[in-house]
Amino acid sequence: MDNSIETKYYENGNIKSESDRINKTNKTFYENGTQKSYNKTNTSETINYDEKGRKTYHSYSTKENGWCEEYFENGLITSKICDSSDHLQQTNYYKNGKLDYYEVRDHTKHEMRKYDRNNKLLSTDKMTYPNSLPTPKTNN
């Protein structure tokens, strides 16, 4: 069983799920045959899809020993959140699939910086704890 592929089917004959122990992947499918989710167990990568086959969610580890989560609507990315091992969190916000602006939370300095799509600093806010909500500090 360690080197096998287990496939389950819907009554209509379409694949319901596939567990591939050789490549360490799991896939699930909607009854209409489009892929619902993909998970690579040895890297913890997960991708979810809607019934039309468009990506709705993607999570994965990064080279910088961090973790990212991407969210999609109608197949277009709306936001991306990445945490790094150096206590930084970057959240990108997208309009029509293109970067609009992003925020960087520095948990060691307790501050949040907001940048436009051209990397121009728009604001710096001090974060207060325990809520971690930003308190306005400066805008330039």
C-alpha atoms as a PDB file:
ATOM      1  CA  MET A   1       0.000   0.000   0.000  1.00  0.00           C
ATOM      2  CA  ASP A   2       2.955   2.393   0.474  1.00  0.00           C
ATOM      3  CA  ASN A   3       3.589   2.679  -3.272  1.00  0.00           C
ATOM      4  CA  SER A   4       0.083   2.692  -4.642  1.00  0.00           C
ATOM      5  CA  ILE A   5      -2.541   4.935  -6.181  1.00  0.00           C
ATOM      6  CA  GLU A   6      -6.068   4.705  -4.790  1.00  0.00           C
ATOM      7  CA  THR A   7      -8.855   6.082  -6.973  1.00  0.00           C
ATOM      8  CA  LYS A   8     -12.510   6.492  -5.991  1.00  0.00           C
ATOM      9  CA  TYR A   9     -15.322   7.207  -8.447  1.00  0.00           C
ATOM     10  CA  TYR A  10     -18.748   8.836  -8.493  1.00  0.00           C
ATOM     11  CA  GLU A  11     -21.701   6.743  -9.688  1.00  0.00           C
ATOM     12  CA  ASN A  12     -21.524   8.582 -13.059  1.00  0.00           C
ATOM     13  CA  GLY A  13     -18.010   7.199 -13.600  1.00  0.00           C
ATOM     14  CA  ASN A  14     -16.091  10.455 -12.975  1.00  0.00           C
ATOM     15  CA  ILE A  15     -13.168  10.361 -10.568  1.00  0.00           C
ATOM     16  CA  LYS A  16     -14.110  11.452  -7.026  1.00  0.00           C
ATOM     17  CA  SER A  17     -10.631  11.329  -5.488  1.00  0.00           C
ATOM     18  CA  GLU A  18      -7.123  10.098  -6.148  1.00  0.00           C
ATOM     19  CA  SER A  19      -4.581   9.350  -3.437  1.00  0.00           C
ATOM     20  CA  ASP A  20      -1.131   8.891  -4.966  1.00  0.00           C
ATOM     21  CA  ARG A  21       1.228   7.494  -2.346  1.00  0.00           C
ATOM     22  CA  ILE A  22       4.104   7.328  -4.856  1.00  0.00           C
ATOM     23  CA  ASN A  23       4.145  11.096  -5.581  1.00  0.00           C
ATOM     24  CA  LYS A  24       2.584  11.977  -2.207  1.00  0.00           C
ATOM     25  CA  THR A  25      -0.384  13.845  -3.693  1.00  0.00           C
ATOM     26  CA  ASN A  26      -4.112  13.829  -3.026  1.00  0.00           C
ATOM     27  CA  LYS A  27      -6.679  15.168  -5.483  1.00  0.00           C
ATOM     28  CA  THR A  28     -10.435  15.531  -5.178  1.00  0.00           C
ATOM     29  CA  PHE A  29     -12.878  16.260  -7.962  1.00  0.00           C
ATOM     30  CA  TYR A  30     -16.375  17.649  -8.348  1.00  0.00           C
ATOM     31  CA  GLU A  31     -18.983  15.276  -9.728  1.00  0.00           C
ATOM     32  CA  ASN A  32     -18.811  17.141 -13.061  1.00  0.00           C
ATOM     33  CA  GLY A  33     -15.171  16.039 -13.400  1.00  0.00           C
ATOM     34  CA  THR A  34     -13.378  19.328 -12.647  1.00  0.00           C
ATOM     35  CA  GLN A  35     -10.690  19.283  -9.995  1.00  0.00           C
ATOM     36  CA  LYS A  36     -11.765  20.453  -6.521  1.00  0.00           C
ATOM     37  CA  SER A  37      -8.484  20.310  -4.592  1.00  0.00           C
ATOM     38  CA  TYR A  38      -4.848  19.301  -4.813  1.00  0.00           C
ATOM     39  CA  ASN A  39      -2.588  18.564  -1.865  1.00  0.00           C
ATOM     40  CA  LYS A  40       1.086  17.630  -1.979  1.00  0.00           C
ATOM     41  CA  THR A  41       1.642  16.042   1.415  1.00  0.00           C
ATOM     42  CA  ASN A  42       5.449  16.199   1.568  1.00  0.00           C
ATOM     43  CA  THR A  43       5.449  19.992   0.973  1.00  0.00           C
ATOM     44  CA  SER A  44       2.041  20.820   2.518  1.00  0.00           C
ATOM     45  CA  GLU A  45       0.994  22.607  -0.660  1.00  0.00           C
ATOM     46  CA  THR A  46      -2.775  22.926  -1.111  1.00  0.00           C
ATOM     47  CA  ILE A  47      -4.796  24.286  -4.032  1.00  0.00           C
ATOM     48  CA  ASN A  48      -8.601  24.571  -4.119  1.00  0.00           C
ATOM     49  CA  TYR A  49     -10.749  25.165  -7.199  1.00  0.00           C
ATOM     50  CA  ASP A  50     -14.355  26.125  -7.885  1.00  0.00           C
ATOM     51  CA  GLU A  51     -16.660  23.946  -9.993  1.00  0.00           C
ATOM     52  CA  LYS A  52     -15.546  25.755 -13.161  1.00  0.00           C
ATOM     53  CA  GLY A  53     -11.920  24.769 -12.502  1.00  0.00           C
ATOM     54  CA  ARG A  54     -10.781  28.238 -11.399  1.00  0.00           C
ATOM     55  CA  LYS A  55      -8.345  28.499  -8.502  1.00  0.00           C
ATOM     56  CA  THR A  56      -9.915  29.810  -5.261  1.00  0.00           C
ATOM     57  CA  TYR A  57      -7.112  29.200  -2.740  1.00  0.00           C
ATOM     58  CA  HIS A  58      -3.415  28.279  -2.780  1.00  0.00           C
ATOM     59  CA  SER A  59      -1.139  27.742   0.217  1.00  0.00           C
ATOM     60  CA  TYR A  60       2.524  26.771   0.086  1.00  0.00           C
ATOM     61  CA  SER A  61       5.891  27.104   1.790  1.00  0.00           C
ATOM     62  CA  THR A  62       8.531  29.465   0.404  1.00  0.00           C
ATOM     63  CA  LYS A  63      12.311  29.309  -0.026  1.00  0.00           C
ATOM     64  CA  GLU A  64      12.666  31.829   2.818  1.00  0.00           C
ATOM     65  CA  ASN A  65      11.225  29.277   5.293  1.00  0.00           C
ATOM     66  CA  GLY A  66       7.933  31.111   5.235  1.00  0.00           C
ATOM     67  CA  TRP A  67       4.350  30.352   4.370  1.00  0.00           C
ATOM     68  CA  CYS A  68       2.015  31.960   1.810  1.00  0.00           C
ATOM     69  CA  GLU A  69      -1.715  31.884   1.237  1.00  0.00           C
ATOM     70  CA  GLU A  70      -3.320  33.256  -1.921  1.00  0.00           C
ATOM     71  CA  TYR A  71      -7.037  33.951  -2.368  1.00  0.00           C
ATOM     72  CA  PHE A  72      -8.855  34.174  -5.707  1.00  0.00           C
ATOM     73  CA  GLU A  73     -12.262  35.263  -7.013  1.00  0.00           C
ATOM     74  CA  ASN A  74     -13.399  34.210 -10.479  1.00  0.00           C
ATOM     75  CA  GLY A  75      -9.892  32.916 -11.119  1.00  0.00           C
ATOM     76  CA  LEU A  76      -8.180  36.263 -10.348  1.00  0.00           C
ATOM     77  CA  ILE A  77      -5.952  36.759  -7.320  1.00  0.00           C
ATOM     78  CA  THR A  78      -7.435  39.148  -4.720  1.00  0.00           C
ATOM     79  CA  SER A  79      -4.897  38.873  -1.903  1.00  0.00           C
ATOM     80  CA  LYS A  80      -1.705  37.121  -0.885  1.00  0.00           C
ATOM     81  CA  ILE A  81      -0.418  36.803   2.679  1.00  0.00           C
ATOM     82  CA  CYS A  82       3.148  35.637   3.340  1.00  0.00           C
ATOM     83  CA  ASP A  83       4.753  35.053   6.730  1.00  0.00           C
ATOM     84  CA  SER A  84       8.513  34.740   6.954  1.00  0.00           C
ATOM     85  CA  SER A  85      10.795  33.274   9.581  1.00  0.00           C
ATOM     86  CA  ASP A  86      12.151  36.769  10.354  1.00  0.00           C
ATOM     87  CA  HIS A  87       8.832  37.935  11.926  1.00  0.00           C
ATOM     88  CA  LEU A  88       7.625  39.819   8.859  1.00  0.00           C
ATOM     89  CA  GLN A  89       4.221  39.421   7.280  1.00  0.00           C
ATOM     90  CA  GLN A  90       3.435  40.887   3.871  1.00  0.00           C
ATOM     91  CA  THR A  91      -0.108  41.163   2.570  1.00  0.00           C
ATOM     92  CA  ASN A  92      -0.607  42.073  -1.091  1.00  0.00           C
ATOM     93  CA  TYR A  93      -3.977  43.377  -2.295  1.00  0.00           C
ATOM     94  CA  TYR A  94      -4.966  43.047  -5.949  1.00  0.00           C
ATOM     95  CA  LYS A  95      -7.526  44.679  -8.246  1.00  0.00           C
ATOM     96  CA  ASN A  96      -8.458  42.809 -11.433  1.00  0.00           C
ATOM     97  CA  GLY A  97      -5.585  40.400 -10.784  1.00  0.00           C
ATOM     98  CA  LYS A  98      -2.913  43.144 -10.607  1.00  0.00           C
ATOM     99  CA  LEU A  99      -1.121  44.408  -7.500  1.00  0.00           C
ATOM    100  CA  ASP A 100      -2.861  47.478  -6.045  1.00  0.00           C
ATOM    101  CA  TYR A 101      -0.922  47.969  -2.788  1.00  0.00           C
ATOM    102  CA  TYR A 102       0.730  45.958  -0.033  1.00  0.00           C
ATOM    103  CA  GLU A 103       1.325  46.083   3.700  1.00  0.00           C
ATOM    104  CA  VAL A 104       4.325  44.819   5.652  1.00  0.00           C
ATOM    105  CA  ARG A 105       3.882  44.013   9.339  1.00  0.00           C
ATOM    106  CA  ASP A 106       7.142  43.929  11.265  1.00  0.00           C
ATOM    107  CA  HIS A 107       6.392  42.099  14.508  1.00  0.00           C
ATOM    108  CA  THR A 108       9.819  42.865  16.014  1.00  0.00           C
ATOM    109  CA  LYS A 109       9.402  46.638  15.516  1.00  0.00           C
ATOM    110  CA  HIS A 110       5.623  46.517  16.142  1.00  0.00           C
ATOM    111  CA  GLU A 111       4.866  48.529  13.040  1.00  0.00           C
ATOM    112  CA  MET A 112       2.964  48.245   9.789  1.00  0.00           C
ATOM    113  CA  ARG A 113       4.124  49.946   6.594  1.00  0.00           C
ATOM    114  CA  LYS A 114       1.827  50.439   3.603  1.00  0.00           C
ATOM    115  CA  TYR A 115       3.248  50.730   0.072  1.00  0.00           C
ATOM    116  CA  ASP A 116       1.724  51.406  -3.343  1.00  0.00           C
ATOM    117  CA  ARG A 117       2.322  49.071  -6.299  1.00  0.00           C
ATOM    118  CA  ASN A 118       5.501  51.049  -7.164  1.00  0.00           C
ATOM    119  CA  ASN A 119       7.038  50.398  -3.714  1.00  0.00           C
ATOM    120  CA  LYS A 120       6.406  53.987  -2.558  1.00  0.00           C
ATOM    121  CA  LEU A 121       5.860  54.153   1.209  1.00  0.00           C
ATOM    122  CA  LEU A 122       2.351  55.504   1.885  1.00  0.00           C
ATOM    123  CA  SER A 123       2.177  55.251   5.677  1.00  0.00           C
ATOM    124  CA  THR A 124       3.769  53.799   8.788  1.00  0.00           C
ATOM    125  CA  ASP A 125       1.599  52.793  11.727  1.00  0.00           C
ATOM    126  CA  LYS A 126       2.615  51.600  15.185  1.00  0.00           C
ATOM    127  CA  MET A 127       0.919  48.332  16.186  1.00  0.00           C
ATOM    128  CA  THR A 128      -0.329  48.027  19.738  1.00  0.00           C
ATOM    129  CA  TYR A 129      -0.693  44.757  21.582  1.00  0.00           C
ATOM    130  CA  PRO A 130      -2.494  42.552  22.487  1.00  0.00           C
ATOM    131  CA  ASN A 131      -4.844  43.408  19.617  1.00  0.00           C
ATOM    132  CA  SER A 132      -2.108  44.083  17.040  1.00  0.00           C
ATOM    133  CA  LEU A 133      -4.293  46.747  15.494  1.00  0.00           C
ATOM    134  CA  PRO A 134      -2.326  49.605  13.977  1.00  0.00           C
ATOM    135  CA  THR A 135      -2.438  52.977  15.671  1.00  0.00           C
ATOM    136  CA  PRO A 136      -1.720  55.846  13.249  1.00  0.00           C
ATOM    137  CA  LYS A 137       1.761  57.313  13.689  1.00  0.00           C
ATOM    138  CA  THR A 138       2.814  59.111  10.494  1.00  0.00           C
ATOM    139  CA  ASN A 139       1.707  59.382   6.896  1.00  0.00           C
ATOM    140  CA  ASN A 140       5.018  60.464   5.382  1.00  0.00           C
END
